[in-house]
């Protein structure tokens, strides 16, 4: 299996747990946004109340943190829309397409012998 097929296989395995992944990404994004708010407050506090600031660094830092926060929010919004879209679409019932995967059907026990076994077990 080459690298591309391996990545596609891993993503397919993760897609089964997309609900769980979305919730974890939502928590991670919320934690990241909290850290960003703390960072912005710290940068503004250092700039206004101390002499430690290098000229221009607070603007760059706040701008970077705001862009990082925007990316975190947009990632969460996109994941939410993808999750809602997946839930809105009709999922096929496995019974309808399962026989396409079966090469042949073999009956190993007749129904009457199964009923006799069930009656004997009782």
N, C-alpha and C. Protein backbone atom coordinates (compact mmCIF):
# COMPACT_ATOMS: atom_id res chain seq x y z
N UNK A 1 0.86 -1.17 0.00
CA UNK A 1 0.00 0.00 0.00
C UNK A 1 0.91 1.24 0.00
N UNK A 2 0.69 2.12 -0.97
CA UNK A 2 1.52 3.32 -1.01
C UNK A 2 1.02 4.37 -0.03
N UNK A 3 1.73 5.48 0.06
CA UNK A 3 1.44 6.50 1.06
C UNK A 3 0.06 7.13 0.86
N UNK A 4 -0.31 7.41 -0.38
CA UNK A 4 -1.60 8.04 -0.67
C UNK A 4 -2.75 7.10 -0.29
N UNK A 5 -2.62 5.83 -0.65
CA UNK A 5 -3.65 4.86 -0.27
C UNK A 5 -3.74 4.69 1.24
N UNK A 6 -2.60 4.77 1.90
CA UNK A 6 -2.58 4.64 3.36
C UNK A 6 -3.30 5.83 4.02
N UNK A 7 -3.07 7.03 3.50
CA UNK A 7 -3.76 8.21 4.03
C UNK A 7 -5.26 8.10 3.77
N UNK A 8 -5.64 7.69 2.55
CA UNK A 8 -7.06 7.54 2.22
C UNK A 8 -7.71 6.48 3.10
N UNK A 9 -7.00 5.41 3.38
CA UNK A 9 -7.52 4.36 4.26
C UNK A 9 -7.73 4.88 5.68
N UNK A 10 -6.77 5.65 6.18
CA UNK A 10 -6.89 6.22 7.52
C UNK A 10 -8.03 7.22 7.62
N UNK A 11 -8.21 8.05 6.59
CA UNK A 11 -9.32 9.00 6.60
C UNK A 11 -10.66 8.29 6.53
N UNK A 12 -10.72 7.20 5.77
CA UNK A 12 -11.95 6.41 5.70
C UNK A 12 -12.28 5.79 7.05
N UNK A 13 -11.25 5.35 7.77
CA UNK A 13 -11.48 4.78 9.10
C UNK A 13 -11.94 5.85 10.08
N UNK A 14 -11.41 7.07 9.93
CA UNK A 14 -11.82 8.15 10.82
C UNK A 14 -13.23 8.64 10.51
N UNK A 15 -13.68 8.49 9.28
CA UNK A 15 -14.99 9.01 8.91
C UNK A 15 -16.12 8.30 9.65
N UNK A 16 -15.86 7.08 10.11
CA UNK A 16 -16.87 6.35 10.88
C UNK A 16 -17.14 7.06 12.20
N UNK A 17 -16.11 7.69 12.75
CA UNK A 17 -16.23 8.36 14.04
C UNK A 17 -16.29 9.88 13.88
N UNK A 18 -16.91 10.36 12.81
CA UNK A 18 -16.91 11.80 12.54
C UNK A 18 -17.63 12.60 13.63
N UNK A 19 -18.65 12.02 14.25
CA UNK A 19 -19.34 12.73 15.34
C UNK A 19 -18.39 12.98 16.50
N UNK A 20 -17.66 11.97 16.89
CA UNK A 20 -16.73 12.08 17.99
C UNK A 20 -15.59 13.04 17.65
N UNK A 21 -15.09 12.96 16.44
CA UNK A 21 -14.02 13.85 16.00
C UNK A 21 -14.49 15.29 16.00
N UNK A 22 -15.72 15.53 15.56
CA UNK A 22 -16.26 16.90 15.54
C UNK A 22 -16.36 17.46 16.95
N UNK A 23 -16.82 16.68 17.90
CA UNK A 23 -16.96 17.17 19.28
C UNK A 23 -15.58 17.48 19.86
N UNK A 24 -14.60 16.63 19.59
CA UNK A 24 -13.25 16.88 20.11
C UNK A 24 -12.64 18.12 19.46
N UNK A 25 -12.90 18.31 18.16
CA UNK A 25 -12.40 19.52 17.50
C UNK A 25 -13.09 20.76 18.04
N UNK A 26 -14.35 20.65 18.40
CA UNK A 26 -15.07 21.78 18.99
C UNK A 26 -14.46 22.16 20.34
N UNK A 27 -14.15 21.18 21.17
CA UNK A 27 -13.50 21.46 22.45
C UNK A 27 -12.10 22.05 22.26
N UNK A 28 -11.34 21.48 21.32
CA UNK A 28 -9.98 21.98 21.06
C UNK A 28 -10.03 23.41 20.54
N UNK A 29 -10.98 23.70 19.67
CA UNK A 29 -11.12 25.05 19.13
C UNK A 29 -11.52 26.03 20.22
N UNK A 30 -12.40 25.62 21.12
CA UNK A 30 -12.79 26.49 22.23
C UNK A 30 -11.62 26.77 23.15
N UNK A 31 -10.82 25.76 23.43
CA UNK A 31 -9.63 25.96 24.27
C UNK A 31 -8.63 26.88 23.58
N UNK A 32 -8.46 26.72 22.27
CA UNK A 32 -7.56 27.59 21.52
C UNK A 32 -8.05 29.03 21.53
N UNK A 33 -9.35 29.23 21.38
CA UNK A 33 -9.90 30.58 21.43
C UNK A 33 -9.71 31.21 22.80
N UNK A 34 -9.83 30.44 23.85
CA UNK A 34 -9.59 30.95 25.20
C UNK A 34 -8.13 31.38 25.35
N UNK A 35 -7.19 30.57 24.86
CA UNK A 35 -5.78 30.93 24.92
C UNK A 35 -5.49 32.17 24.09
N UNK A 36 -6.16 32.32 22.96
CA UNK A 36 -5.96 33.50 22.11
C UNK A 36 -6.44 34.76 22.82
N UNK A 37 -7.59 34.69 23.47
CA UNK A 37 -8.10 35.85 24.21
C UNK A 37 -7.13 36.22 25.34
N UNK A 38 -6.62 35.21 26.03
CA UNK A 38 -5.64 35.47 27.09
C UNK A 38 -4.38 36.11 26.51
N UNK A 39 -3.93 35.62 25.36
CA UNK A 39 -2.74 36.18 24.71
C UNK A 39 -2.94 37.62 24.27
N UNK A 40 -4.12 37.93 23.72
CA UNK A 40 -4.40 39.30 23.29
C UNK A 40 -4.44 40.23 24.50
N UNK A 41 -5.08 39.79 25.57
CA UNK A 41 -5.13 40.62 26.78
C UNK A 41 -3.72 40.83 27.34
N UNK A 42 -2.90 39.77 27.34
CA UNK A 42 -1.53 39.89 27.84
C UNK A 42 -0.71 40.84 26.98
N UNK A 43 -0.84 40.74 25.66
CA UNK A 43 -0.08 41.62 24.76
C UNK A 43 -0.48 43.08 24.96
N UNK A 44 -1.76 43.32 25.06
CA UNK A 44 -2.23 44.69 25.26
C UNK A 44 -1.80 45.20 26.64
N UNK A 45 -1.88 44.34 27.66
CA UNK A 45 -1.45 44.73 29.00
C UNK A 45 0.03 45.05 29.06
N UNK A 46 0.85 44.24 28.42
CA UNK A 46 2.30 44.50 28.42
C UNK A 46 2.60 45.80 27.66
N UNK A 47 1.90 46.01 26.59
CA UNK A 47 2.13 47.21 25.76
C UNK A 47 1.72 48.48 26.51
N UNK A 48 0.61 48.45 27.21
CA UNK A 48 0.10 49.67 27.84
C UNK A 48 0.67 49.93 29.23
N UNK A 49 0.98 48.89 29.99
CA UNK A 49 1.30 49.09 31.40
C UNK A 49 2.76 48.83 31.76
N UNK A 50 3.60 48.42 30.82
CA UNK A 50 5.02 48.19 31.14
C UNK A 50 5.90 48.85 30.09
N UNK A 51 7.18 48.89 30.39
CA UNK A 51 8.16 49.41 29.43
C UNK A 51 8.90 48.26 28.73
N UNK A 52 8.40 47.04 28.85
CA UNK A 52 9.06 45.87 28.27
C UNK A 52 8.80 45.71 26.78
N UNK A 53 7.84 46.40 26.25
CA UNK A 53 7.41 46.17 24.88
C UNK A 53 8.40 46.74 23.86
N UNK A 54 8.64 45.98 22.81
CA UNK A 54 9.41 46.44 21.66
C UNK A 54 8.42 47.13 20.73
N UNK A 55 8.77 48.28 20.16
CA UNK A 55 7.81 49.00 19.30
C UNK A 55 7.31 48.14 18.14
N UNK A 56 6.01 48.07 18.00
CA UNK A 56 5.39 47.35 16.88
C UNK A 56 5.10 45.89 17.15
N UNK A 57 5.64 45.31 18.21
CA UNK A 57 5.42 43.87 18.41
C UNK A 57 4.00 43.57 18.86
N UNK A 58 3.39 44.47 19.62
CA UNK A 58 2.04 44.21 20.13
C UNK A 58 1.04 44.16 18.98
N UNK A 59 1.20 45.06 18.02
CA UNK A 59 0.31 45.05 16.86
C UNK A 59 0.46 43.75 16.08
N UNK A 60 1.70 43.33 15.86
CA UNK A 60 1.93 42.08 15.14
C UNK A 60 1.38 40.88 15.91
N UNK A 61 1.59 40.88 17.21
CA UNK A 61 1.13 39.76 18.03
C UNK A 61 -0.39 39.67 18.06
N UNK A 62 -1.04 40.81 18.27
CA UNK A 62 -2.50 40.81 18.30
C UNK A 62 -3.06 40.43 16.93
N UNK A 63 -2.47 40.94 15.87
CA UNK A 63 -2.92 40.60 14.52
C UNK A 63 -2.77 39.11 14.24
N UNK A 64 -1.64 38.53 14.63
CA UNK A 64 -1.42 37.10 14.44
C UNK A 64 -2.43 36.28 15.24
N UNK A 65 -2.66 36.67 16.47
CA UNK A 65 -3.60 35.93 17.31
C UNK A 65 -5.03 36.04 16.80
N UNK A 66 -5.41 37.22 16.28
CA UNK A 66 -6.76 37.38 15.71
C UNK A 66 -6.91 36.50 14.47
N UNK A 67 -5.89 36.45 13.62
CA UNK A 67 -5.97 35.56 12.45
C UNK A 67 -6.03 34.09 12.85
N UNK A 68 -5.28 33.72 13.87
CA UNK A 68 -5.33 32.34 14.37
C UNK A 68 -6.71 32.01 14.92
N UNK A 69 -7.30 32.96 15.64
CA UNK A 69 -8.66 32.76 16.16
C UNK A 69 -9.68 32.65 15.05
N UNK A 70 -9.53 33.48 14.01
CA UNK A 70 -10.44 33.41 12.87
C UNK A 70 -10.35 32.04 12.19
N UNK A 71 -9.14 31.53 12.05
CA UNK A 71 -8.98 30.20 11.44
C UNK A 71 -9.61 29.12 12.31
N UNK A 72 -9.47 29.22 13.61
CA UNK A 72 -10.07 28.22 14.51
C UNK A 72 -11.59 28.26 14.42
N UNK A 73 -12.16 29.46 14.38
CA UNK A 73 -13.62 29.58 14.26
C UNK A 73 -14.10 29.05 12.92
N UNK A 74 -13.40 29.39 11.85
CA UNK A 74 -13.82 28.94 10.53
C UNK A 74 -13.71 27.41 10.39
N UNK A 75 -12.69 26.82 10.98
CA UNK A 75 -12.56 25.36 10.95
C UNK A 75 -13.73 24.71 11.67
N UNK A 76 -14.11 25.27 12.81
CA UNK A 76 -15.24 24.72 13.56
C UNK A 76 -16.54 24.89 12.80
N UNK A 77 -16.74 26.04 12.19
CA UNK A 77 -17.98 26.28 11.42
C UNK A 77 -18.04 25.34 10.22
N UNK A 78 -16.92 25.16 9.52
CA UNK A 78 -16.92 24.25 8.37
C UNK A 78 -17.21 22.82 8.80
N UNK A 79 -16.60 22.38 9.91
CA UNK A 79 -16.87 21.03 10.40
C UNK A 79 -18.33 20.87 10.80
N UNK A 80 -18.92 21.91 11.39
CA UNK A 80 -20.33 21.83 11.78
C UNK A 80 -21.22 21.70 10.55
N UNK A 81 -20.94 22.48 9.51
CA UNK A 81 -21.73 22.39 8.29
C UNK A 81 -21.57 21.04 7.62
N UNK A 82 -20.36 20.51 7.60
CA UNK A 82 -20.15 19.18 7.01
C UNK A 82 -20.90 18.11 7.80
N UNK A 83 -20.87 18.23 9.11
CA UNK A 83 -21.57 17.25 9.95
C UNK A 83 -23.07 17.34 9.74
N UNK A 84 -23.60 18.56 9.69
CA UNK A 84 -25.04 18.72 9.47
C UNK A 84 -25.44 18.25 8.08
N UNK A 85 -24.60 18.48 7.09
CA UNK A 85 -24.89 18.02 5.73
C UNK A 85 -24.91 16.50 5.67
N UNK A 86 -23.99 15.86 6.37
CA UNK A 86 -23.97 14.40 6.38
C UNK A 86 -25.23 13.84 7.03
N UNK A 87 -25.69 14.48 8.08
CA UNK A 87 -26.90 14.01 8.75
C UNK A 87 -28.16 14.27 7.93
N UNK A 88 -28.13 15.32 7.10
CA UNK A 88 -29.32 15.67 6.31
C UNK A 88 -29.50 14.75 5.11
N UNK A 89 -28.41 14.16 4.63
CA UNK A 89 -28.53 13.29 3.45
C UNK A 89 -29.07 11.92 3.87
N UNK A 90 -29.78 11.30 2.96
CA UNK A 90 -30.34 9.97 3.23
C UNK A 90 -29.25 8.93 3.14
N UNK A 91 -29.16 8.11 4.16
CA UNK A 91 -28.18 7.03 4.17
C UNK A 91 -28.86 5.76 3.66
N UNK A 92 -28.20 5.02 2.76
CA UNK A 92 -28.81 3.79 2.25
C UNK A 92 -28.90 2.73 3.35
N UNK A 93 -29.93 1.94 3.27
CA UNK A 93 -30.12 0.85 4.21
C UNK A 93 -29.24 -0.31 3.76
N UNK A 94 -28.41 -0.88 4.63
CA UNK A 94 -27.50 -1.95 4.22
C UNK A 94 -28.22 -3.13 3.56
N UNK A 95 -29.46 -3.41 3.96
CA UNK A 95 -30.22 -4.51 3.39
C UNK A 95 -30.40 -4.32 1.88
N UNK A 96 -30.47 -3.06 1.41
CA UNK A 96 -30.73 -2.80 0.00
C UNK A 96 -29.53 -3.08 -0.89
N UNK A 97 -28.33 -2.95 -0.40
CA UNK A 97 -27.17 -3.14 -1.26
C UNK A 97 -26.24 -4.27 -0.80
N UNK A 98 -26.60 -4.95 0.27
CA UNK A 98 -25.72 -6.00 0.81
C UNK A 98 -25.58 -7.18 -0.15
N UNK A 99 -26.62 -7.51 -0.88
CA UNK A 99 -26.55 -8.68 -1.76
C UNK A 99 -25.58 -8.46 -2.92
N UNK A 100 -25.22 -7.22 -3.20
CA UNK A 100 -24.22 -6.96 -4.22
C UNK A 100 -22.84 -7.44 -3.82
N UNK A 101 -22.62 -7.68 -2.53
CA UNK A 101 -21.33 -8.14 -2.04
C UNK A 101 -21.29 -9.66 -1.84
N UNK A 102 -22.43 -10.33 -2.03
CA UNK A 102 -22.50 -11.77 -1.80
C UNK A 102 -22.36 -12.48 -3.14
N UNK A 103 -21.39 -13.40 -3.23
CA UNK A 103 -21.16 -14.12 -4.47
C UNK A 103 -22.23 -15.19 -4.68
N UNK A 104 -22.49 -15.98 -3.65
CA UNK A 104 -23.54 -17.01 -3.73
C UNK A 104 -24.08 -17.29 -2.34
N UNK A 105 -25.31 -17.76 -2.30
CA UNK A 105 -25.92 -18.09 -1.01
C UNK A 105 -25.95 -19.60 -0.87
N UNK A 106 -25.58 -20.08 0.30
CA UNK A 106 -25.64 -21.50 0.58
C UNK A 106 -26.48 -21.70 1.83
N UNK A 107 -27.36 -22.66 1.79
CA UNK A 107 -28.17 -23.00 2.95
C UNK A 107 -27.55 -24.23 3.58
N UNK A 108 -27.13 -24.11 4.81
CA UNK A 108 -26.46 -25.21 5.50
C UNK A 108 -27.43 -26.03 6.34
N UNK A 109 -28.57 -25.49 6.66
CA UNK A 109 -29.56 -26.23 7.43
C UNK A 109 -30.93 -25.81 6.95
N UNK A 110 -31.79 -26.79 6.82
CA UNK A 110 -33.15 -26.47 6.40
C UNK A 110 -33.91 -25.91 7.58
N UNK A 111 -34.94 -25.17 7.29
CA UNK A 111 -35.71 -24.52 8.34
C UNK A 111 -36.32 -25.55 9.29
N UNK A 112 -36.77 -26.67 8.76
CA UNK A 112 -37.41 -27.67 9.62
C UNK A 112 -36.41 -28.25 10.62
N UNK A 113 -35.16 -28.47 10.19
CA UNK A 113 -34.17 -29.02 11.12
C UNK A 113 -33.80 -27.98 12.18
N UNK A 114 -33.82 -26.70 11.83
CA UNK A 114 -33.56 -25.67 12.82
C UNK A 114 -34.66 -25.62 13.86
N UNK A 115 -35.91 -25.79 13.44
CA UNK A 115 -37.02 -25.77 14.39
C UNK A 115 -36.94 -26.99 15.30
N UNK A 116 -36.54 -28.15 14.76
CA UNK A 116 -36.40 -29.34 15.60
C UNK A 116 -35.30 -29.14 16.64
N UNK A 117 -34.19 -28.49 16.25
CA UNK A 117 -33.12 -28.22 17.21
C UNK A 117 -33.56 -27.26 18.31
N UNK A 118 -34.34 -26.25 17.92
CA UNK A 118 -34.83 -25.29 18.90
C UNK A 118 -35.80 -25.95 19.88
N UNK A 119 -36.67 -26.86 19.35
CA UNK A 119 -37.61 -27.54 20.23
C UNK A 119 -36.89 -28.50 21.17
N UNK A 120 -35.82 -29.13 20.67
CA UNK A 120 -35.06 -30.06 21.52
C UNK A 120 -34.33 -29.31 22.62
N UNK A 121 -33.89 -28.08 22.31
CA UNK A 121 -33.18 -27.27 23.31
C UNK A 121 -34.10 -26.82 24.43
N UNK A 122 -35.39 -26.66 24.13
CA UNK A 122 -36.34 -26.21 25.14
C UNK A 122 -36.71 -27.36 26.01
